[in-house]
Amino acid sequence: MQLIDLVGYIAATLTTAAFLPQVLKVWQSKSTKDLALPTLLSFIAGVSMWLVYGLLVKSTPIIMANAVTLVLNLAILRFKLKYG
């Protein structure tokens, strides 16, 4: 594995894992009142575009990170729409 890929995997892991506490907190508290829907939607759109970019350039770290981040944020969006 090249150093550039290792850096990509570490960055992907850290930025993706950062959303786990938010998903768990929303799931446990069933409260999304402090989450702004426009920000969440904008972030989901951006992550979706990064995923498409990763697929186009065939970058596994970008694909993996953004696929997982998208799933986590779609879960948050679901909670926002359900509990919001």
PDB file of N, CA and C in Angstrom:
ATOM      1  N   MET A   1       0.856  -1.181   0.000  1.00  0.00           N
ATOM      2  CA  MET A   1       0.000   0.000   0.000  1.00  0.00           C
ATOM      3  C   MET A   1       0.897   1.237   0.000  1.00  0.00           C
ATOM      4  N   GLN A   2       0.553   2.163  -0.847  1.00  0.00           N
ATOM      5  CA  GLN A   2       1.326   3.395  -0.933  1.00  0.00           C
ATOM      6  C   GLN A   2       0.952   4.336   0.211  1.00  0.00           C
ATOM      7  N   LEU A   3       1.866   5.225   0.539  1.00  0.00           N
ATOM      8  CA  LEU A   3       1.642   6.190   1.609  1.00  0.00           C
ATOM      9  C   LEU A   3       0.411   7.048   1.338  1.00  0.00           C
ATOM     10  N   ILE A   4       0.212   7.432   0.094  1.00  0.00           N
ATOM     11  CA  ILE A   4      -0.935   8.286  -0.244  1.00  0.00           C
ATOM     12  C   ILE A   4      -2.254   7.558   0.045  1.00  0.00           C
ATOM     13  N   ASP A   5      -2.301   6.250  -0.215  1.00  0.00           N
ATOM     14  CA  ASP A   5      -3.502   5.473   0.092  1.00  0.00           C
ATOM     15  C   ASP A   5      -3.706   5.341   1.594  1.00  0.00           C
ATOM     16  N   LEU A   6      -2.620   5.140   2.311  1.00  0.00           N
ATOM     17  CA  LEU A   6      -2.702   5.039   3.770  1.00  0.00           C
ATOM     18  C   LEU A   6      -3.256   6.325   4.372  1.00  0.00           C
ATOM     19  N   VAL A   7      -2.767   7.453   3.895  1.00  0.00           N
ATOM     20  CA  VAL A   7      -3.282   8.748   4.364  1.00  0.00           C
ATOM     21  C   VAL A   7      -4.771   8.853   4.046  1.00  0.00           C
ATOM     22  N   GLY A   8      -5.160   8.431   2.864  1.00  0.00           N
ATOM     23  CA  GLY A   8      -6.566   8.461   2.475  1.00  0.00           C
ATOM     24  C   GLY A   8      -7.424   7.588   3.373  1.00  0.00           C
ATOM     25  N   TYR A   9      -6.982   6.393   3.666  1.00  0.00           N
ATOM     26  CA  TYR A   9      -7.742   5.490   4.538  1.00  0.00           C
ATOM     27  C   TYR A   9      -7.858   6.038   5.961  1.00  0.00           C
ATOM     28  N   ILE A  10      -6.780   6.611   6.476  1.00  0.00           N
ATOM     29  CA  ILE A  10      -6.826   7.187   7.829  1.00  0.00           C
ATOM     30  C   ILE A  10      -7.794   8.367   7.857  1.00  0.00           C
ATOM     31  N   ALA A  11      -7.704   9.245   6.879  1.00  0.00           N
ATOM     32  CA  ALA A  11      -8.613  10.393   6.809  1.00  0.00           C
ATOM     33  C   ALA A  11     -10.056   9.921   6.675  1.00  0.00           C
ATOM     34  N   ALA A  12     -10.287   8.934   5.835  1.00  0.00           N
ATOM     35  CA  ALA A  12     -11.635   8.399   5.632  1.00  0.00           C
ATOM     36  C   ALA A  12     -12.197   7.819   6.926  1.00  0.00           C
ATOM     37  N   THR A  13     -11.384   7.081   7.630  1.00  0.00           N
ATOM     38  CA  THR A  13     -11.824   6.477   8.888  1.00  0.00           C
ATOM     39  C   THR A  13     -12.173   7.535   9.922  1.00  0.00           C
ATOM     40  N   LEU A  14     -11.319   8.525  10.066  1.00  0.00           N
ATOM     41  CA  LEU A  14     -11.552   9.563  11.071  1.00  0.00           C
ATOM     42  C   LEU A  14     -12.782  10.409  10.759  1.00  0.00           C
ATOM     43  N   THR A  15     -12.927  10.846   9.523  1.00  0.00           N
ATOM     44  CA  THR A  15     -14.058  11.715   9.195  1.00  0.00           C
ATOM     45  C   THR A  15     -15.380  10.953   9.203  1.00  0.00           C
ATOM     46  N   THR A  16     -15.349   9.698   8.823  1.00  0.00           N
ATOM     47  CA  THR A  16     -16.571   8.893   8.846  1.00  0.00           C
ATOM     48  C   THR A  16     -16.966   8.548  10.272  1.00  0.00           C
ATOM     49  N   ALA A  17     -16.013   8.134  11.076  1.00  0.00           N
ATOM     50  CA  ALA A  17     -16.295   7.769  12.467  1.00  0.00           C
ATOM     51  C   ALA A  17     -16.818   8.952  13.278  1.00  0.00           C
ATOM     52  N   ALA A  18     -16.517  10.160  12.843  1.00  0.00           N
ATOM     53  CA  ALA A  18     -16.970  11.354  13.562  1.00  0.00           C
ATOM     54  C   ALA A  18     -18.494  11.445  13.612  1.00  0.00           C
ATOM     55  N   PHE A  19     -19.192  10.790  12.694  1.00  0.00           N
ATOM     56  CA  PHE A  19     -20.655  10.867  12.665  1.00  0.00           C
ATOM     57  C   PHE A  19     -21.329   9.817  13.532  1.00  0.00           C
ATOM     58  N   LEU A  20     -20.613   8.802  13.951  1.00  0.00           N
ATOM     59  CA  LEU A  20     -21.224   7.766  14.786  1.00  0.00           C
ATOM     60  C   LEU A  20     -21.812   8.309  16.083  1.00  0.00           C
ATOM     61  N   PRO A  21     -21.089   9.150  16.830  1.00  0.00           N
ATOM     62  CA  PRO A  21     -21.686   9.678  18.067  1.00  0.00           C
ATOM     63  C   PRO A  21     -22.982  10.462  17.822  1.00  0.00           C
ATOM     64  N   GLN A  22     -23.050  11.188  16.707  1.00  0.00           N
ATOM     65  CA  GLN A  22     -24.262  11.958  16.402  1.00  0.00           C
ATOM     66  C   GLN A  22     -25.439  11.033  16.111  1.00  0.00           C
ATOM     67  N   VAL A  23     -25.190  10.005  15.323  1.00  0.00           N
ATOM     68  CA  VAL A  23     -26.254   9.050  15.016  1.00  0.00           C
ATOM     69  C   VAL A  23     -26.742   8.383  16.296  1.00  0.00           C
ATOM     70  N   LEU A  24     -25.819   7.948  17.131  1.00  0.00           N
ATOM     71  CA  LEU A  24     -26.198   7.292  18.388  1.00  0.00           C
ATOM     72  C   LEU A  24     -26.959   8.230  19.316  1.00  0.00           C
ATOM     73  N   LYS A  25     -26.517   9.485  19.398  1.00  0.00           N
ATOM     74  CA  LYS A  25     -27.199  10.447  20.271  1.00  0.00           C
ATOM     75  C   LYS A  25     -28.627  10.711  19.795  1.00  0.00           C
ATOM     76  N   VAL A  26     -28.795  10.905  18.500  1.00  0.00           N
ATOM     77  CA  VAL A  26     -30.132  11.152  17.956  1.00  0.00           C
ATOM     78  C   VAL A  26     -31.019   9.926  18.162  1.00  0.00           C
ATOM     79  N   TRP A  27     -30.451   8.755  17.938  1.00  0.00           N
ATOM     80  CA  TRP A  27     -31.206   7.512  18.087  1.00  0.00           C
ATOM     81  C   TRP A  27     -31.654   7.323  19.531  1.00  0.00           C
ATOM     82  N   GLN A  28     -30.757   7.582  20.481  1.00  0.00           N
ATOM     83  CA  GLN A  28     -31.080   7.393  21.890  1.00  0.00           C
ATOM     84  C   GLN A  28     -32.026   8.471  22.416  1.00  0.00           C
ATOM     85  N   SER A  29     -31.783   9.721  22.051  1.00  0.00           N
ATOM     86  CA  SER A  29     -32.587  10.825  22.589  1.00  0.00           C
ATOM     87  C   SER A  29     -33.878  11.043  21.815  1.00  0.00           C
ATOM     88  N   LYS A  30     -33.912  10.554  20.592  1.00  0.00           N
ATOM     89  CA  LYS A  30     -35.048  10.781  19.696  1.00  0.00           C
ATOM     90  C   LYS A  30     -35.343  12.272  19.527  1.00  0.00           C
ATOM     91  N   SER A  31     -34.280  13.056  19.549  1.00  0.00           N
ATOM     92  CA  SER A  31     -34.400  14.501  19.403  1.00  0.00           C
ATOM     93  C   SER A  31     -33.440  14.992  18.320  1.00  0.00           C
ATOM     94  N   THR A  32     -33.979  15.769  17.413  1.00  0.00           N
ATOM     95  CA  THR A  32     -33.157  16.366  16.353  1.00  0.00           C
ATOM     96  C   THR A  32     -33.376  17.870  16.282  1.00  0.00           C
ATOM     97  N   LYS A  33     -33.928  18.431  17.347  1.00  0.00           N
ATOM     98  CA  LYS A  33     -34.300  19.847  17.316  1.00  0.00           C
ATOM     99  C   LYS A  33     -33.110  20.774  17.078  1.00  0.00           C
ATOM    100  N   ASP A  34     -31.923  20.355  17.447  1.00  0.00           N
ATOM    101  CA  ASP A  34     -30.741  21.209  17.277  1.00  0.00           C
ATOM    102  C   ASP A  34     -30.042  21.006  15.934  1.00  0.00           C
ATOM    103  N   LEU A  35     -30.586  20.155  15.088  1.00  0.00           N
ATOM    104  CA  LEU A  35     -29.987  19.907  13.778  1.00  0.00           C
ATOM    105  C   LEU A  35     -30.752  20.693  12.724  1.00  0.00           C
ATOM    106  N   ALA A  36     -30.041  21.495  11.959  1.00  0.00           N
ATOM    107  CA  ALA A  36     -30.667  22.309  10.916  1.00  0.00           C
ATOM    108  C   ALA A  36     -30.854  21.474   9.656  1.00  0.00           C
ATOM    109  N   LEU A  37     -32.092  21.349   9.188  1.00  0.00           N
ATOM    110  CA  LEU A  37     -32.399  20.553   8.014  1.00  0.00           C
ATOM    111  C   LEU A  37     -31.655  21.046   6.763  1.00  0.00           C
ATOM    112  N   PRO A  38     -31.598  22.355   6.488  1.00  0.00           N
ATOM    113  CA  PRO A  38     -30.859  22.788   5.283  1.00  0.00           C
ATOM    114  C   PRO A  38     -29.372  22.393   5.319  1.00  0.00           C
ATOM    115  N   THR A  39     -28.767  22.465   6.473  1.00  0.00           N
ATOM    116  CA  THR A  39     -27.363  22.067   6.600  1.00  0.00           C
ATOM    117  C   THR A  39     -27.211  20.576   6.342  1.00  0.00           C
ATOM    118  N   LEU A  40     -28.096  19.790   6.923  1.00  0.00           N
ATOM    119  CA  LEU A  40     -28.055  18.345   6.741  1.00  0.00           C
ATOM    120  C   LEU A  40     -28.247  17.971   5.268  1.00  0.00           C
ATOM    121  N   LEU A  41     -29.214  18.587   4.609  1.00  0.00           N
ATOM    122  CA  LEU A  41     -29.457  18.306   3.198  1.00  0.00           C
ATOM    123  C   LEU A  41     -28.282  18.721   2.317  1.00  0.00           C
ATOM    124  N   SER A  42     -27.695  19.862   2.625  1.00  0.00           N
ATOM    125  CA  SER A  42     -26.535  20.331   1.883  1.00  0.00           C
ATOM    126  C   SER A  42     -25.352  19.382   2.062  1.00  0.00           C
ATOM    127  N   PHE A  43     -25.154  18.913   3.272  1.00  0.00           N
ATOM    128  CA  PHE A  43     -24.058  17.992   3.550  1.00  0.00           C
ATOM    129  C   PHE A  43     -24.277  16.670   2.815  1.00  0.00           C
ATOM    130  N   ILE A  44     -25.502  16.165   2.838  1.00  0.00           N
ATOM    131  CA  ILE A  44     -25.818  14.920   2.138  1.00  0.00           C
ATOM    132  C   ILE A  44     -25.560  15.076   0.640  1.00  0.00           C
ATOM    133  N   ALA A  45     -25.933  16.214   0.073  1.00  0.00           N
ATOM    134  CA  ALA A  45     -25.671  16.463  -1.350  1.00  0.00           C
ATOM    135  C   ALA A  45     -24.168  16.473  -1.625  1.00  0.00           C
ATOM    136  N   GLY A  46     -23.408  17.130  -0.764  1.00  0.00           N
ATOM    137  CA  GLY A  46     -21.955  17.185  -0.937  1.00  0.00           C
ATOM    138  C   GLY A  46     -21.305  15.823  -0.818  1.00  0.00           C
ATOM    139  N   VAL A  47     -21.715  15.045   0.166  1.00  0.00           N
ATOM    140  CA  VAL A  47     -21.175  13.697   0.348  1.00  0.00           C
ATOM    141  C   VAL A  47     -21.534  12.820  -0.849  1.00  0.00           C
ATOM    142  N   SER A  48     -22.738  12.987  -1.367  1.00  0.00           N
ATOM    143  CA  SER A  48     -23.154  12.234  -2.557  1.00  0.00           C
ATOM    144  C   SER A  48     -22.257  12.565  -3.743  1.00  0.00           C
ATOM    145  N   MET A  49     -21.937  13.830  -3.898  1.00  0.00           N
ATOM    146  CA  MET A  49     -21.059  14.245  -4.996  1.00  0.00           C
ATOM    147  C   MET A  49     -19.640  13.701  -4.806  1.00  0.00           C
ATOM    148  N   TRP A  50     -19.151  13.690  -3.567  1.00  0.00           N
ATOM    149  CA  TRP A  50     -17.841  13.105  -3.299  1.00  0.00           C
ATOM    150  C   TRP A  50     -17.845  11.616  -3.620  1.00  0.00           C
ATOM    151  N   LEU A  51     -18.951  10.940  -3.323  1.00  0.00           N
ATOM    152  CA  LEU A  51     -19.058   9.524  -3.643  1.00  0.00           C
ATOM    153  C   LEU A  51     -18.993   9.311  -5.160  1.00  0.00           C
ATOM    154  N   VAL A  52     -19.731  10.108  -5.900  1.00  0.00           N
ATOM    155  CA  VAL A  52     -19.690  10.016  -7.361  1.00  0.00           C
ATOM    156  C   VAL A  52     -18.275  10.300  -7.868  1.00  0.00           C
ATOM    157  N   TYR A  53     -17.643  11.317  -7.319  1.00  0.00           N
ATOM    158  CA  TYR A  53     -16.262  11.645  -7.700  1.00  0.00           C
ATOM    159  C   TYR A  53     -15.338  10.458  -7.432  1.00  0.00           C
ATOM    160  N   GLY A  54     -15.471   9.867  -6.250  1.00  0.00           N
ATOM    161  CA  GLY A  54     -14.646   8.709  -5.911  1.00  0.00           C
ATOM    162  C   GLY A  54     -14.840   7.564  -6.880  1.00  0.00           C
ATOM    163  N   LEU A  55     -16.096   7.343  -7.276  1.00  0.00           N
ATOM    164  CA  LEU A  55     -16.370   6.293  -8.255  1.00  0.00           C
ATOM    165  C   LEU A  55     -15.743   6.618  -9.608  1.00  0.00           C
ATOM    166  N   LEU A  56     -15.817   7.876 -10.013  1.00  0.00           N
ATOM    167  CA  LEU A  56     -15.260   8.279 -11.299  1.00  0.00           C
ATOM    168  C   LEU A  56     -13.736   8.150 -11.352  1.00  0.00           C
ATOM    169  N   VAL A  57     -13.074   8.486 -10.241  1.00  0.00           N
ATOM    170  CA  VAL A  57     -11.609   8.404 -10.229  1.00  0.00           C
ATOM    171  C   VAL A  57     -11.114   7.073  -9.658  1.00  0.00           C
ATOM    172  N   LYS A  58     -12.062   6.224  -9.291  1.00  0.00           N
ATOM    173  CA  LYS A  58     -11.742   4.885  -8.773  1.00  0.00           C
ATOM    174  C   LYS A  58     -10.837   4.952  -7.535  1.00  0.00           C
ATOM    175  N   SER A  59     -11.225   5.805  -6.586  1.00  0.00           N
ATOM    176  CA  SER A  59     -10.462   5.951  -5.350  1.00  0.00           C
ATOM    177  C   SER A  59     -11.200   5.239  -4.206  1.00  0.00           C
ATOM    178  N   THR A  60     -10.682   4.099  -3.816  1.00  0.00           N
ATOM    179  CA  THR A  60     -11.341   3.306  -2.781  1.00  0.00           C
ATOM    180  C   THR A  60     -11.533   4.067  -1.464  1.00  0.00           C
ATOM    181  N   PRO A  61     -10.524   4.799  -0.959  1.00  0.00           N
ATOM    182  CA  PRO A  61     -10.755   5.525   0.296  1.00  0.00           C
ATOM    183  C   PRO A  61     -11.903   6.540   0.186  1.00  0.00           C
ATOM    184  N   ILE A  62     -11.979   7.245  -0.927  1.00  0.00           N
ATOM    185  CA  ILE A  62     -13.045   8.238  -1.109  1.00  0.00           C
ATOM    186  C   ILE A  62     -14.399   7.542  -1.229  1.00  0.00           C
ATOM    187  N   ILE A  63     -14.438   6.448  -1.968  1.00  0.00           N
ATOM    188  CA  ILE A  63     -15.695   5.708  -2.131  1.00  0.00           C
ATOM    189  C   ILE A  63     -16.176   5.176  -0.788  1.00  0.00           C
ATOM    190  N   MET A  64     -15.296   4.500  -0.061  1.00  0.00           N
ATOM    191  CA  MET A  64     -15.690   3.889   1.207  1.00  0.00           C
ATOM    192  C   MET A  64     -16.145   4.940   2.219  1.00  0.00           C
ATOM    193  N   ALA A  65     -15.347   5.973   2.377  1.00  0.00           N
ATOM    194  CA  ALA A  65     -15.662   6.988   3.375  1.00  0.00           C
ATOM    195  C   ALA A  65     -16.990   7.666   3.076  1.00  0.00           C
ATOM    196  N   ASN A  66     -17.197   8.033   1.845  1.00  0.00           N
ATOM    197  CA  ASN A  66     -18.402   8.774   1.513  1.00  0.00           C
ATOM    198  C   ASN A  66     -19.636   7.884   1.448  1.00  0.00           C
ATOM    199  N   ALA A  67     -19.475   6.621   1.098  1.00  0.00           N
ATOM    200  CA  ALA A  67     -20.608   5.697   1.133  1.00  0.00           C
ATOM    201  C   ALA A  67     -21.091   5.512   2.567  1.00  0.00           C
ATOM    202  N   VAL A  68     -20.166   5.287   3.486  1.00  0.00           N
ATOM    203  CA  VAL A  68     -20.547   5.101   4.893  1.00  0.00           C
ATOM    204  C   VAL A  68     -21.078   6.402   5.486  1.00  0.00           C
ATOM    205  N   THR A  69     -20.417   7.514   5.193  1.00  0.00           N
ATOM    206  CA  THR A  69     -20.873   8.814   5.690  1.00  0.00           C
ATOM    207  C   THR A  69     -22.263   9.132   5.162  1.00  0.00           C
ATOM    208  N   LEU A  70     -22.527   8.799   3.909  1.00  0.00           N
ATOM    209  CA  LEU A  70     -23.850   9.029   3.333  1.00  0.00           C
ATOM    210  C   LEU A  70     -24.900   8.209   4.064  1.00  0.00           C
ATOM    211  N   VAL A  71     -24.621   6.954   4.332  1.00  0.00           N
ATOM    212  CA  VAL A  71     -25.572   6.105   5.058  1.00  0.00           C
ATOM    213  C   VAL A  71     -25.843   6.666   6.455  1.00  0.00           C
ATOM    214  N   LEU A  72     -24.792   7.069   7.147  1.00  0.00           N
ATOM    215  CA  LEU A  72     -24.969   7.624   8.488  1.00  0.00           C
ATOM    216  C   LEU A  72     -25.802   8.903   8.460  1.00  0.00           C
ATOM    217  N   ASN A  73     -25.535   9.750   7.499  1.00  0.00           N
ATOM    218  CA  ASN A  73     -26.278  11.009   7.426  1.00  0.00           C
ATOM    219  C   ASN A  73     -27.702  10.812   6.911  1.00  0.00           C
ATOM    220  N   LEU A  74     -27.920   9.813   6.099  1.00  0.00           N
ATOM    221  CA  LEU A  74     -29.297   9.490   5.710  1.00  0.00           C
ATOM    222  C   LEU A  74     -30.079   8.976   6.918  1.00  0.00           C
ATOM    223  N   ALA A  75     -29.395   8.260   7.815  1.00  0.00           N
ATOM    224  CA  ALA A  75     -30.044   7.822   9.062  1.00  0.00           C
ATOM    225  C   ALA A  75     -30.415   9.034   9.909  1.00  0.00           C
ATOM    226  N   ILE A  76     -29.502   9.994  10.003  1.00  0.00           N
ATOM    227  CA  ILE A  76     -29.796  11.218  10.756  1.00  0.00           C
ATOM    228  C   ILE A  76     -30.967  11.953  10.109  1.00  0.00           C
ATOM    229  N   LEU A  77     -30.984  12.031   8.783  1.00  0.00           N
ATOM    230  CA  LEU A  77     -32.092  12.683   8.079  1.00  0.00           C
ATOM    231  C   LEU A  77     -33.417  11.964   8.367  1.00  0.00           C
ATOM    232  N   ARG A  78     -33.376  10.655   8.360  1.00  0.00           N
ATOM    233  CA  ARG A  78     -34.581   9.883   8.675  1.00  0.00           C
ATOM    234  C   ARG A  78     -35.081  10.233  10.075  1.00  0.00           C
ATOM    235  N   PHE A  79     -34.172  10.276  11.039  1.00  0.00           N
ATOM    236  CA  PHE A  79     -34.560  10.656  12.401  1.00  0.00           C
ATOM    237  C   PHE A  79     -35.084  12.082  12.446  1.00  0.00           C
ATOM    238  N   LYS A  80     -34.446  12.975  11.696  1.00  0.00           N
ATOM    239  CA  LYS A  80     -34.890  14.374  11.653  1.00  0.00           C
ATOM    240  C   LYS A  80     -36.315  14.463  11.133  1.00  0.00           C
ATOM    241  N   LEU A  81     -36.617  13.733  10.076  1.00  0.00           N
ATOM    242  CA  LEU A  81     -37.959  13.771   9.507  1.00  0.00           C
ATOM    243  C   LEU A  81     -38.979  13.072  10.421  1.00  0.00           C
ATOM    244  N   LYS A  82     -38.524  12.059  11.122  1.00  0.00           N
ATOM    245  CA  LYS A  82     -39.421  11.313  12.018  1.00  0.00           C
ATOM    246  C   LYS A  82     -39.668  12.040  13.339  1.00  0.00           C
ATOM    247  N   TYR A  83     -38.613  12.560  13.942  1.00  0.00           N
ATOM    248  CA  TYR A  83     -38.708  13.178  15.275  1.00  0.00           C
ATOM    249  C   TYR A  83     -38.739  14.689  15.247  1.00  0.00           C
ATOM    250  N   GLY A  84     -38.335  15.271  14.086  1.00  0.00           N
ATOM    251  CA  GLY A  84     -38.121  16.705  13.987  1.00  0.00           C
ATOM    252  C   GLY A  84     -39.326  17.533  14.217  1.00  0.00           C
TER     253      GLY A  84
END
